[in-house]
Amino acid sequence: MSTADRNRLREQIATLGKSLFDRGLTMGSSGNISVRLDDGGWLMTPTNACLGRLDPARISRLDRDGRLLDGDAPTKESFLHRAMYAERPQSGAIVHLHSTHSVAVSCLPDIDPCDCIPPLTAYYVMRVGRLPLVPYHVPGDPRLGDAVRGLAGKHSAVLLANHGPVVAGRSLEAAVYATEELEETAKLYLLLRGHNPRGLTPEQVAELEARFPRD
């Protein structure tokens, strides 16, 4: 990949990061974004960086072994991204946010840990699918990477308990769209709790999965 191509990806990370921040899907210095490069390395947002004010030139570039090549030091949760990429060779980007409604769902005591949000809409099934819950770990605990690795092979998104979602996609745009869909569906789920909502049937879910396969 040429320097020009990497710079375009850096600009895209900064643009989409600002969009997520400006719409309240992340706040302060929370959340991080990465993109896989064709040499096996990654671009990642730096540690303690605000997604709303990213400097493209300071976005971290890592080699395939996780060594910093240029830019600032990467997010302290880089191991989360690397764990997910290791199980998902088809994924080209990952978004991890502390988005309010998704985090709220992750704190509920009675959700299904194998599938935290029911299939309420077609687009949720198409872009997210089944969403397993990863048990709580202290942020930065390497064991969290092991827990994510155990689920990432079968799921393009996971929900970290009392923490937030980690979502993979074939491209950065696809990962962002899936993250947005997850947050909106989490909001719907919270609004509908106690109302016995009509979700999609297993047959409807199967049809969507067959017609619109995710990465």
Protein backbone atom coordinates (compact mmCIF):
# COMPACT_ATOMS: atom_id res chain seq x y z
CA MET A 1 0.00 0.00 0.00
CA SER A 2 1.37 3.39 -0.98
CA THR A 3 1.88 6.27 1.42
CA ALA A 4 -0.90 8.13 -0.39
CA ASP A 5 -3.31 5.24 0.19
CA ARG A 6 -2.39 5.07 3.89
CA ASN A 7 -2.91 8.82 4.19
CA ARG A 8 -6.37 8.49 2.64
CA LEU A 9 -7.22 5.86 5.25
CA ARG A 10 -5.91 8.12 8.02
CA GLU A 11 -8.16 10.91 6.74
CA GLN A 12 -11.14 8.54 6.62
CA ILE A 13 -10.52 7.43 10.21
CA ALA A 14 -10.43 11.07 11.33
CA THR A 15 -13.56 12.00 9.35
CA LEU A 16 -15.64 9.07 10.58
CA GLY A 17 -14.31 9.41 14.12
CA LYS A 18 -15.47 13.03 14.18
CA SER A 19 -18.88 12.01 12.82
CA LEU A 20 -19.31 9.43 15.60
CA PHE A 21 -18.17 11.92 18.24
CA ASP A 22 -20.32 14.79 16.97
CA ARG A 23 -23.44 12.60 17.11
CA GLY A 24 -22.75 11.52 20.68
CA LEU A 25 -21.84 7.89 19.97
CA THR A 26 -18.62 8.35 21.91
CA MET A 27 -17.35 10.98 24.31
CA GLY A 28 -14.15 12.34 25.81
CA SER A 29 -11.21 10.13 24.89
CA SER A 30 -13.29 6.93 24.84
CA GLY A 31 -13.52 4.61 21.87
CA ASN A 32 -11.00 3.55 19.26
CA ILE A 33 -10.85 2.66 15.57
CA SER A 34 -8.50 0.51 13.51
CA VAL A 35 -8.00 -0.45 9.87
CA ARG A 36 -6.06 -3.47 8.60
CA LEU A 37 -3.36 -2.69 6.02
CA ASP A 38 -2.48 -4.97 3.14
CA ASP A 39 1.00 -5.63 4.59
CA GLY A 40 -0.57 -7.22 7.67
CA GLY A 41 -0.15 -4.15 9.86
CA TRP A 42 -2.75 -1.69 11.12
CA LEU A 43 -3.67 1.93 11.51
CA MET A 44 -5.11 2.63 14.99
CA THR A 45 -6.30 5.67 16.84
CA PRO A 46 -3.78 6.76 19.51
CA THR A 47 -4.11 6.27 23.23
CA ASN A 48 -6.11 8.95 25.06
CA ALA A 49 -7.17 10.49 21.73
CA CYS A 50 -10.58 12.09 21.25
CA LEU A 51 -12.28 10.68 18.15
CA GLY A 52 -13.71 14.14 17.51
CA ARG A 53 -10.30 15.76 17.21
CA LEU A 54 -8.02 13.25 15.52
CA ASP A 55 -4.92 14.47 13.69
CA PRO A 56 -4.52 12.08 10.74
CA ALA A 57 -0.73 12.42 10.82
CA ARG A 58 -0.60 11.23 14.44
CA ILE A 59 -2.72 8.08 13.95
CA SER A 60 -0.63 5.06 14.93
CA ARG A 61 0.76 2.69 12.32
CA LEU A 62 1.72 -0.77 13.58
CA ASP A 63 3.46 -3.63 11.83
CA ARG A 64 2.04 -7.17 11.78
CA ASP A 65 3.68 -7.87 15.15
CA GLY A 66 2.16 -4.82 16.81
CA ARG A 67 5.33 -2.70 16.79
CA LEU A 68 4.82 1.05 16.36
CA LEU A 69 6.19 2.28 13.01
CA ASP A 70 5.01 5.88 13.09
CA GLY A 71 2.43 8.17 14.68
CA ASP A 72 1.61 8.34 18.38
CA ALA A 73 1.43 5.32 20.70
CA PRO A 74 -1.70 3.27 19.88
CA THR A 75 -4.80 2.84 22.00
CA LYS A 76 -4.18 0.80 25.13
CA GLU A 77 -6.95 -1.50 23.85
CA SER A 78 -5.00 -2.39 20.70
CA PHE A 79 -4.93 -6.00 21.93
CA LEU A 80 -8.74 -6.11 21.56
CA HIS A 81 -8.46 -5.21 17.90
CA ARG A 82 -5.61 -7.61 17.25
CA ALA A 83 -7.49 -10.46 18.96
CA MET A 84 -10.52 -9.89 16.76
CA TYR A 85 -8.49 -9.58 13.56
CA ALA A 86 -6.69 -12.84 14.38
CA GLU A 87 -10.00 -14.71 14.20
CA ARG A 88 -11.50 -12.69 11.33
CA PRO A 89 -9.13 -12.57 8.34
CA GLN A 90 -11.99 -11.22 6.23
CA SER A 91 -12.42 -8.12 8.40
CA GLY A 92 -10.74 -4.90 7.31
CA ALA A 93 -11.69 -2.55 10.16
CA ILE A 94 -12.89 -2.50 13.77
CA VAL A 95 -14.77 0.12 15.77
CA HIS A 96 -14.97 0.04 19.57
CA LEU A 97 -17.19 2.62 21.29
CA HIS A 98 -18.70 3.35 24.70
CA SER A 99 -22.01 4.28 23.06
CA THR A 100 -24.69 5.00 25.67
CA HIS A 101 -27.51 2.63 24.75
CA SER A 102 -25.25 -0.29 23.89
CA VAL A 103 -23.43 0.12 27.21
CA ALA A 104 -26.81 0.32 28.99
CA VAL A 105 -27.80 -3.03 27.49
CA SER A 106 -24.46 -4.51 28.58
CA CYS A 107 -25.30 -3.60 32.20
CA LEU A 108 -28.71 -5.33 32.30
CA PRO A 109 -28.83 -8.42 34.54
CA ASP A 110 -31.33 -10.44 32.51
CA ILE A 111 -30.04 -10.33 28.94
CA ASP A 112 -29.16 -13.50 27.06
CA PRO A 113 -25.33 -13.67 27.15
CA CYS A 114 -25.34 -15.59 23.88
CA ASP A 115 -27.46 -12.97 22.09
CA CYS A 116 -27.83 -9.69 23.98
CA ILE A 117 -30.37 -8.01 21.68
CA PRO A 118 -33.21 -9.85 19.92
CA PRO A 119 -33.64 -9.54 16.14
CA LEU A 120 -35.98 -6.56 16.13
CA THR A 121 -35.24 -5.26 12.62
CA ALA A 122 -33.97 -6.59 9.32
CA TYR A 123 -31.02 -4.19 9.21
CA TYR A 124 -29.85 -5.27 12.65
CA VAL A 125 -29.76 -8.88 11.47
CA MET A 126 -28.04 -7.88 8.21
CA ARG A 127 -25.34 -5.71 9.80
CA VAL A 128 -24.82 -7.16 13.29
CA GLY A 129 -26.45 -10.57 13.71
CA ARG A 130 -26.10 -12.41 17.01
CA LEU A 131 -24.38 -10.32 19.68
CA PRO A 132 -22.69 -12.29 22.50
CA LEU A 133 -21.75 -10.74 25.84
CA VAL A 134 -18.11 -10.81 26.95
CA PRO A 135 -17.83 -11.03 30.76
CA TYR A 136 -16.53 -7.95 32.56
CA HIS A 137 -12.78 -7.35 32.75
CA VAL A 138 -10.89 -4.27 33.94
CA PRO A 139 -10.12 -2.09 30.88
CA GLY A 140 -6.67 -2.94 29.59
CA ASP A 141 -6.70 -6.48 31.06
CA PRO A 142 -5.08 -8.76 28.42
CA ARG A 143 -7.51 -11.52 29.41
CA LEU A 144 -10.20 -9.46 27.71
CA GLY A 145 -8.43 -10.10 24.42
CA ASP A 146 -8.56 -13.84 25.08
CA ALA A 147 -12.29 -13.62 25.83
CA VAL A 148 -12.94 -11.71 22.60
CA ARG A 149 -10.80 -14.13 20.60
CA GLY A 150 -12.98 -16.99 21.77
CA LEU A 151 -16.08 -15.42 20.19
CA ALA A 152 -14.77 -13.43 17.21
CA GLY A 153 -14.54 -16.37 14.85
CA LYS A 154 -18.33 -16.77 14.87
CA HIS A 155 -19.45 -13.18 15.48
CA SER A 156 -18.65 -9.89 13.75
CA ALA A 157 -19.65 -7.94 16.87
CA VAL A 158 -19.39 -8.55 20.61
CA LEU A 159 -20.62 -6.57 23.60
CA LEU A 160 -18.22 -6.08 26.51
CA ALA A 161 -20.09 -6.17 29.82
CA ASN A 162 -20.29 -2.74 31.49
CA HIS A 163 -18.04 -1.38 28.76
CA GLY A 164 -19.30 -1.27 25.15
CA PRO A 165 -19.40 -2.87 21.68
CA VAL A 166 -16.54 -4.06 19.47
CA VAL A 167 -17.65 -4.31 15.84
CA ALA A 168 -15.77 -5.58 12.78
CA GLY A 169 -16.52 -5.02 9.10
CA ARG A 170 -15.03 -5.64 5.69
CA SER A 171 -14.24 -1.93 5.45
CA LEU A 172 -14.15 0.97 7.87
CA GLU A 173 -17.41 2.30 6.44
CA ALA A 174 -19.07 -1.11 6.95
CA ALA A 175 -17.83 -1.33 10.55
CA VAL A 176 -19.13 2.18 11.30
CA TYR A 177 -22.53 1.42 9.75
CA ALA A 178 -22.82 -1.77 11.80
CA THR A 179 -21.86 0.10 14.99
CA GLU A 180 -24.50 2.73 14.30
CA GLU A 181 -27.11 0.04 13.63
CA LEU A 182 -26.21 -1.68 16.89
CA GLU A 183 -26.59 1.53 18.88
CA GLU A 184 -29.98 2.34 17.33
CA THR A 185 -31.24 -1.20 17.94
CA ALA A 186 -30.02 -1.04 21.55
CA LYS A 187 -32.08 2.12 21.91
CA LEU A 188 -35.14 0.36 20.46
CA TYR A 189 -34.61 -2.60 22.76
CA LEU A 190 -34.53 -0.38 25.85
CA LEU A 191 -37.62 1.55 24.70
CA LEU A 192 -39.55 -1.69 24.13
CA ARG A 193 -38.63 -3.48 27.36
CA GLY A 194 -41.81 -4.54 29.13
CA HIS A 195 -43.94 -4.20 25.99
CA ASN A 196 -43.51 -7.75 24.62
CA PRO A 197 -42.30 -6.52 21.20
CA ARG A 198 -42.78 -8.54 18.02
CA GLY A 199 -39.33 -9.51 16.76
CA LEU A 200 -38.38 -11.31 13.59
CA THR A 201 -39.07 -15.03 13.48
CA PRO A 202 -36.25 -17.58 13.14
CA GLU A 203 -37.39 -18.17 9.55
CA GLN A 204 -37.19 -14.45 8.76
CA VAL A 205 -33.74 -14.24 10.33
CA ALA A 206 -32.53 -17.24 8.33
CA GLU A 207 -33.80 -15.70 5.09
CA LEU A 208 -31.95 -12.44 5.80
CA GLU A 209 -28.73 -14.27 6.68
CA ALA A 210 -28.91 -16.26 3.46
CA ARG A 211 -29.61 -13.23 1.26
CA PHE A 212 -27.32 -10.74 2.97
CA PRO A 213 -24.26 -12.56 4.37
CA ARG A 214 -22.02 -10.48 6.64
CA ASP A 215 -18.24 -10.63 6.47
